[in-house]
Amino acid sequence: MATPWGTLLPHGPGQAPIELRSSVVTIGSAPAESSGDLQHVRVPGNKFLSRSHFELRRTAEGEVLVVARSRTNLSFLNGCVLPYDQSRRAVLDADNAPHQPAGCTAPDA
């Protein structure tokens, strides 16, 4: 199994952190089964998540891109709505230091 490059911290009560190991990770309430280099993360109990809500894509350069996959429920990144099926780079900063990919540093990390 691949080395984790980051951790997803679900907002729901009692949900444990989820290691991100694949270059493409789909997050939703009922995504497809994981296979090959695709990791699918099920986050139950959130009525605002679509079955396949958004993707995290880790590039060869180590950047993280976020892609909205839901046409019915909105996805947000840093307070802005993500347009459907268009990638946006996740920028690491002091405000999201506890939630950033492994190996990255921020002033308060």
N, C-alpha and C. Protein backbone atom coordinates (compact mmCIF):
# COMPACT_ATOMS: atom_id res chain seq x y z
N MET A 1 0.84 -1.18 0.00
CA MET A 1 0.00 0.00 0.00
C MET A 1 0.88 1.24 0.00
N ALA A 2 0.45 2.26 -0.71
CA ALA A 2 1.24 3.49 -0.85
C ALA A 2 1.34 4.26 0.47
N THR A 3 2.39 5.05 0.58
CA THR A 3 2.58 5.90 1.75
C THR A 3 1.57 7.04 1.71
N PRO A 4 0.93 7.37 2.83
CA PRO A 4 -0.04 8.47 2.82
C PRO A 4 0.63 9.80 2.51
N TRP A 5 -0.04 10.62 1.71
CA TRP A 5 0.46 11.95 1.39
C TRP A 5 -0.30 13.03 2.14
N GLY A 6 -1.38 12.63 2.82
CA GLY A 6 -2.17 13.60 3.57
C GLY A 6 -3.23 12.88 4.38
N THR A 7 -4.02 13.67 5.10
CA THR A 7 -5.07 13.13 5.95
C THR A 7 -6.33 13.96 5.78
N LEU A 8 -7.47 13.27 5.62
CA LEU A 8 -8.77 13.94 5.56
C LEU A 8 -9.37 13.88 6.96
N LEU A 9 -9.81 15.03 7.45
CA LEU A 9 -10.42 15.09 8.78
C LEU A 9 -11.92 15.35 8.61
N PRO A 10 -12.74 14.28 8.65
CA PRO A 10 -14.19 14.45 8.48
C PRO A 10 -14.78 15.31 9.60
N HIS A 11 -15.84 16.05 9.28
CA HIS A 11 -16.47 16.94 10.24
C HIS A 11 -17.43 16.24 11.18
N GLY A 12 -17.91 15.05 10.81
CA GLY A 12 -18.92 14.35 11.61
C GLY A 12 -18.40 13.85 12.94
N PRO A 13 -19.28 13.76 13.93
CA PRO A 13 -18.86 13.26 15.23
C PRO A 13 -18.46 11.79 15.16
N GLY A 14 -17.39 11.45 15.84
CA GLY A 14 -16.95 10.07 15.91
C GLY A 14 -16.27 9.54 14.66
N GLN A 15 -16.00 10.38 13.68
CA GLN A 15 -15.35 9.92 12.45
C GLN A 15 -13.84 10.11 12.57
N ALA A 16 -13.12 9.05 12.33
CA ALA A 16 -11.66 9.07 12.46
C ALA A 16 -11.01 9.70 11.23
N PRO A 17 -9.81 10.26 11.39
CA PRO A 17 -9.06 10.78 10.23
C PRO A 17 -8.83 9.67 9.21
N ILE A 18 -8.81 10.04 7.93
CA ILE A 18 -8.65 9.09 6.83
C ILE A 18 -7.37 9.41 6.08
N GLU A 19 -6.48 8.42 5.98
CA GLU A 19 -5.23 8.63 5.25
C GLU A 19 -5.49 8.66 3.75
N LEU A 20 -4.89 9.64 3.07
CA LEU A 20 -5.00 9.77 1.62
C LEU A 20 -3.77 9.12 1.01
N ARG A 21 -3.98 8.10 0.18
CA ARG A 21 -2.86 7.32 -0.34
C ARG A 21 -2.76 7.31 -1.87
N SER A 22 -3.84 7.58 -2.56
CA SER A 22 -3.84 7.51 -4.03
C SER A 22 -3.67 8.89 -4.63
N SER A 23 -3.27 8.94 -5.89
CA SER A 23 -3.11 10.23 -6.55
C SER A 23 -4.46 10.87 -6.85
N VAL A 24 -5.53 10.07 -6.92
CA VAL A 24 -6.89 10.59 -7.09
C VAL A 24 -7.75 10.01 -5.98
N VAL A 25 -8.37 10.90 -5.19
CA VAL A 25 -9.22 10.49 -4.08
C VAL A 25 -10.59 11.13 -4.29
N THR A 26 -11.64 10.30 -4.36
CA THR A 26 -13.01 10.80 -4.48
C THR A 26 -13.66 10.74 -3.11
N ILE A 27 -14.28 11.83 -2.70
CA ILE A 27 -14.95 11.90 -1.40
C ILE A 27 -16.44 12.11 -1.64
N GLY A 28 -17.26 11.36 -0.92
CA GLY A 28 -18.70 11.50 -1.05
C GLY A 28 -19.43 10.62 -0.06
N SER A 29 -20.77 10.64 -0.15
CA SER A 29 -21.58 9.85 0.77
C SER A 29 -21.64 8.38 0.35
N ALA A 30 -21.42 8.09 -0.91
CA ALA A 30 -21.45 6.70 -1.39
C ALA A 30 -20.68 6.56 -2.69
N PRO A 31 -19.37 6.89 -2.69
CA PRO A 31 -18.59 6.76 -3.93
C PRO A 31 -18.38 5.30 -4.30
N ALA A 32 -17.89 5.06 -5.50
CA ALA A 32 -17.60 3.70 -5.97
C ALA A 32 -16.52 3.06 -5.11
N GLU A 33 -16.29 1.78 -5.33
CA GLU A 33 -15.24 1.07 -4.60
C GLU A 33 -13.85 1.51 -5.07
N SER A 34 -12.89 1.51 -4.16
CA SER A 34 -11.51 1.85 -4.52
C SER A 34 -10.92 0.76 -5.41
N SER A 35 -10.10 1.19 -6.36
CA SER A 35 -9.43 0.23 -7.23
C SER A 35 -8.21 0.88 -7.86
N GLY A 36 -7.14 0.12 -7.99
CA GLY A 36 -5.93 0.63 -8.61
C GLY A 36 -5.44 1.87 -7.90
N ASP A 37 -5.21 2.95 -8.67
CA ASP A 37 -4.72 4.20 -8.09
C ASP A 37 -5.86 5.16 -7.78
N LEU A 38 -7.06 4.63 -7.63
CA LEU A 38 -8.20 5.46 -7.26
C LEU A 38 -8.66 5.07 -5.86
N GLN A 39 -8.70 6.04 -4.97
CA GLN A 39 -9.17 5.81 -3.61
C GLN A 39 -10.51 6.51 -3.46
N HIS A 40 -11.50 5.80 -2.97
CA HIS A 40 -12.82 6.38 -2.75
C HIS A 40 -13.09 6.39 -1.26
N VAL A 41 -13.41 7.56 -0.73
CA VAL A 41 -13.62 7.74 0.70
C VAL A 41 -15.10 8.02 0.95
N ARG A 42 -15.72 7.17 1.76
CA ARG A 42 -17.13 7.34 2.12
C ARG A 42 -17.19 8.12 3.43
N VAL A 43 -17.92 9.24 3.39
CA VAL A 43 -18.13 10.07 4.58
C VAL A 43 -19.63 10.05 4.86
N PRO A 44 -20.07 9.16 5.77
CA PRO A 44 -21.50 9.02 6.05
C PRO A 44 -22.04 10.13 6.95
N GLY A 45 -23.35 10.28 6.92
CA GLY A 45 -24.01 11.16 7.87
C GLY A 45 -23.99 12.64 7.54
N ASN A 46 -23.58 13.02 6.33
CA ASN A 46 -23.60 14.43 5.95
C ASN A 46 -24.59 14.59 4.80
N LYS A 47 -25.74 15.17 5.10
CA LYS A 47 -26.81 15.28 4.10
C LYS A 47 -26.46 16.23 2.96
N PHE A 48 -25.38 16.99 3.10
CA PHE A 48 -25.00 17.93 2.05
C PHE A 48 -24.00 17.33 1.06
N LEU A 49 -23.52 16.12 1.32
CA LEU A 49 -22.57 15.48 0.41
C LEU A 49 -23.31 14.64 -0.62
N SER A 50 -22.92 14.79 -1.87
CA SER A 50 -23.43 13.92 -2.94
C SER A 50 -22.70 12.59 -2.87
N ARG A 51 -23.18 11.62 -3.65
CA ARG A 51 -22.52 10.29 -3.67
C ARG A 51 -21.05 10.43 -4.02
N SER A 52 -20.73 11.18 -5.05
CA SER A 52 -19.35 11.52 -5.41
C SER A 52 -19.27 13.03 -5.42
N HIS A 53 -18.87 13.63 -4.31
CA HIS A 53 -18.99 15.07 -4.13
C HIS A 53 -17.81 15.85 -4.71
N PHE A 54 -16.59 15.44 -4.37
CA PHE A 54 -15.42 16.11 -4.93
C PHE A 54 -14.22 15.18 -4.97
N GLU A 55 -13.22 15.57 -5.73
CA GLU A 55 -11.98 14.80 -5.85
C GLU A 55 -10.81 15.64 -5.36
N LEU A 56 -9.84 14.95 -4.80
CA LEU A 56 -8.54 15.53 -4.52
C LEU A 56 -7.56 14.83 -5.45
N ARG A 57 -6.80 15.60 -6.19
CA ARG A 57 -5.80 15.03 -7.11
C ARG A 57 -4.43 15.54 -6.71
N ARG A 58 -3.52 14.62 -6.47
CA ARG A 58 -2.14 15.00 -6.12
C ARG A 58 -1.30 14.88 -7.38
N THR A 59 -0.66 15.98 -7.76
CA THR A 59 0.15 15.98 -8.98
C THR A 59 1.53 15.42 -8.70
N ALA A 60 2.28 15.14 -9.75
CA ALA A 60 3.64 14.63 -9.62
C ALA A 60 4.54 15.65 -8.90
N GLU A 61 4.18 16.93 -8.98
CA GLU A 61 4.95 17.98 -8.32
C GLU A 61 4.55 18.16 -6.86
N GLY A 62 3.54 17.41 -6.40
CA GLY A 62 3.11 17.49 -5.01
C GLY A 62 1.99 18.47 -4.74
N GLU A 63 1.51 19.16 -5.78
CA GLU A 63 0.37 20.06 -5.59
C GLU A 63 -0.90 19.25 -5.40
N VAL A 64 -1.88 19.85 -4.74
CA VAL A 64 -3.18 19.21 -4.56
C VAL A 64 -4.22 20.04 -5.29
N LEU A 65 -4.96 19.39 -6.19
CA LEU A 65 -6.04 20.03 -6.93
C LEU A 65 -7.36 19.50 -6.40
N VAL A 66 -8.36 20.37 -6.35
CA VAL A 66 -9.70 20.00 -5.90
C VAL A 66 -10.63 20.16 -7.09
N VAL A 67 -11.49 19.14 -7.33
CA VAL A 67 -12.43 19.16 -8.44
C VAL A 67 -13.82 18.82 -7.91
N ALA A 68 -14.79 19.73 -8.12
CA ALA A 68 -16.18 19.47 -7.72
C ALA A 68 -16.77 18.42 -8.66
N ARG A 69 -17.44 17.41 -8.09
CA ARG A 69 -18.03 16.34 -8.88
C ARG A 69 -19.54 16.28 -8.78
N SER A 70 -20.13 17.17 -7.99
CA SER A 70 -21.58 17.17 -7.81
C SER A 70 -22.20 18.29 -8.63
N ARG A 71 -23.27 17.95 -9.35
CA ARG A 71 -24.02 18.97 -10.08
C ARG A 71 -25.15 19.55 -9.23
N THR A 72 -25.49 18.87 -8.12
CA THR A 72 -26.63 19.30 -7.32
C THR A 72 -26.25 19.96 -6.00
N ASN A 73 -25.15 19.56 -5.38
CA ASN A 73 -24.70 20.15 -4.12
C ASN A 73 -23.41 20.92 -4.36
N LEU A 74 -23.31 22.10 -3.77
CA LEU A 74 -22.13 22.93 -3.97
C LEU A 74 -20.93 22.42 -3.18
N SER A 75 -19.75 22.67 -3.73
CA SER A 75 -18.48 22.41 -3.04
C SER A 75 -17.78 23.75 -2.87
N PHE A 76 -17.12 23.93 -1.73
CA PHE A 76 -16.44 25.18 -1.43
C PHE A 76 -14.97 24.92 -1.15
N LEU A 77 -14.14 25.88 -1.51
CA LEU A 77 -12.72 25.85 -1.19
C LEU A 77 -12.33 27.25 -0.77
N ASN A 78 -11.86 27.40 0.46
CA ASN A 78 -11.48 28.70 1.00
C ASN A 78 -12.60 29.73 0.85
N GLY A 79 -13.84 29.29 1.11
CA GLY A 79 -14.99 30.19 1.09
C GLY A 79 -15.57 30.49 -0.27
N CYS A 80 -15.01 29.90 -1.34
CA CYS A 80 -15.50 30.15 -2.71
C CYS A 80 -16.11 28.88 -3.27
N VAL A 81 -17.18 29.05 -4.04
CA VAL A 81 -17.82 27.91 -4.70
C VAL A 81 -16.91 27.38 -5.80
N LEU A 82 -16.74 26.07 -5.83
CA LEU A 82 -15.95 25.44 -6.90
C LEU A 82 -16.87 25.17 -8.09
N PRO A 83 -16.48 25.60 -9.28
CA PRO A 83 -17.28 25.28 -10.46
C PRO A 83 -17.19 23.78 -10.76
N TYR A 84 -18.29 23.21 -11.23
CA TYR A 84 -18.34 21.78 -11.53
C TYR A 84 -17.27 21.39 -12.55
N ASP A 85 -16.54 20.33 -12.26
CA ASP A 85 -15.60 19.68 -13.18
C ASP A 85 -14.42 20.55 -13.60
N GLN A 86 -14.07 21.54 -12.79
CA GLN A 86 -12.89 22.37 -13.06
C GLN A 86 -11.97 22.30 -11.85
N SER A 87 -10.69 22.05 -12.09
CA SER A 87 -9.76 21.91 -10.97
C SER A 87 -9.31 23.27 -10.45
N ARG A 88 -9.12 23.32 -9.14
CA ARG A 88 -8.58 24.48 -8.46
C ARG A 88 -7.48 24.00 -7.53
N ARG A 89 -6.38 24.72 -7.48
CA ARG A 89 -5.26 24.34 -6.63
C ARG A 89 -5.58 24.68 -5.18
N ALA A 90 -5.37 23.70 -4.29
CA ALA A 90 -5.52 23.94 -2.86
C ALA A 90 -4.25 24.62 -2.38
N VAL A 91 -4.39 25.82 -1.85
CA VAL A 91 -3.25 26.58 -1.38
C VAL A 91 -3.09 26.33 0.12
N LEU A 92 -1.89 25.94 0.52
CA LEU A 92 -1.61 25.69 1.92
C LEU A 92 -1.21 26.97 2.61
N ASP A 93 -1.83 27.25 3.74
CA ASP A 93 -1.47 28.44 4.50
C ASP A 93 -1.67 28.19 5.98
N ALA A 94 -1.40 29.19 6.79
CA ALA A 94 -1.48 29.03 8.24
C ALA A 94 -2.88 28.67 8.70
N ASP A 95 -3.93 29.10 7.98
CA ASP A 95 -5.30 28.82 8.40
C ASP A 95 -5.68 27.35 8.27
N ASN A 96 -5.04 26.62 7.36
CA ASN A 96 -5.40 25.21 7.22
C ASN A 96 -4.24 24.29 7.60
N ALA A 97 -3.29 24.79 8.36
CA ALA A 97 -2.12 24.01 8.74
C ALA A 97 -2.46 22.64 9.33
N PRO A 98 -3.47 22.51 10.19
CA PRO A 98 -3.75 21.18 10.74
C PRO A 98 -4.29 20.20 9.69
N HIS A 99 -4.71 20.70 8.53
CA HIS A 99 -5.38 19.87 7.54
C HIS A 99 -4.59 19.70 6.25
N GLN A 100 -3.33 20.09 6.25
CA GLN A 100 -2.56 20.08 5.02
C GLN A 100 -1.88 18.74 4.77
N PRO A 101 -1.42 18.50 3.53
CA PRO A 101 -0.74 17.26 3.21
C PRO A 101 0.52 17.06 4.06
N ALA A 102 0.84 15.80 4.31
CA ALA A 102 2.03 15.46 5.08
C ALA A 102 3.27 16.04 4.41
N GLY A 103 4.23 16.49 5.20
CA GLY A 103 5.47 17.00 4.66
C GLY A 103 5.45 18.47 4.33
N CYS A 104 4.29 19.11 4.36
CA CYS A 104 4.20 20.54 4.08
C CYS A 104 4.24 21.30 5.40
N THR A 105 4.77 22.49 5.38
CA THR A 105 4.82 23.26 6.61
C THR A 105 4.15 24.60 6.43
N ALA A 106 3.56 25.09 7.48
CA ALA A 106 2.96 26.42 7.52
C ALA A 106 3.44 27.08 8.80
N PRO A 107 3.34 28.39 8.91
CA PRO A 107 3.89 29.09 10.06
C PRO A 107 3.48 28.52 11.42
N ASP A 108 2.22 28.07 11.55
CA ASP A 108 1.79 27.56 12.86
C ASP A 108 1.67 26.04 12.91
N ALA A 109 2.28 25.36 11.94
CA ALA A 109 2.17 23.89 11.88
C ALA A 109 3.03 23.26 12.97
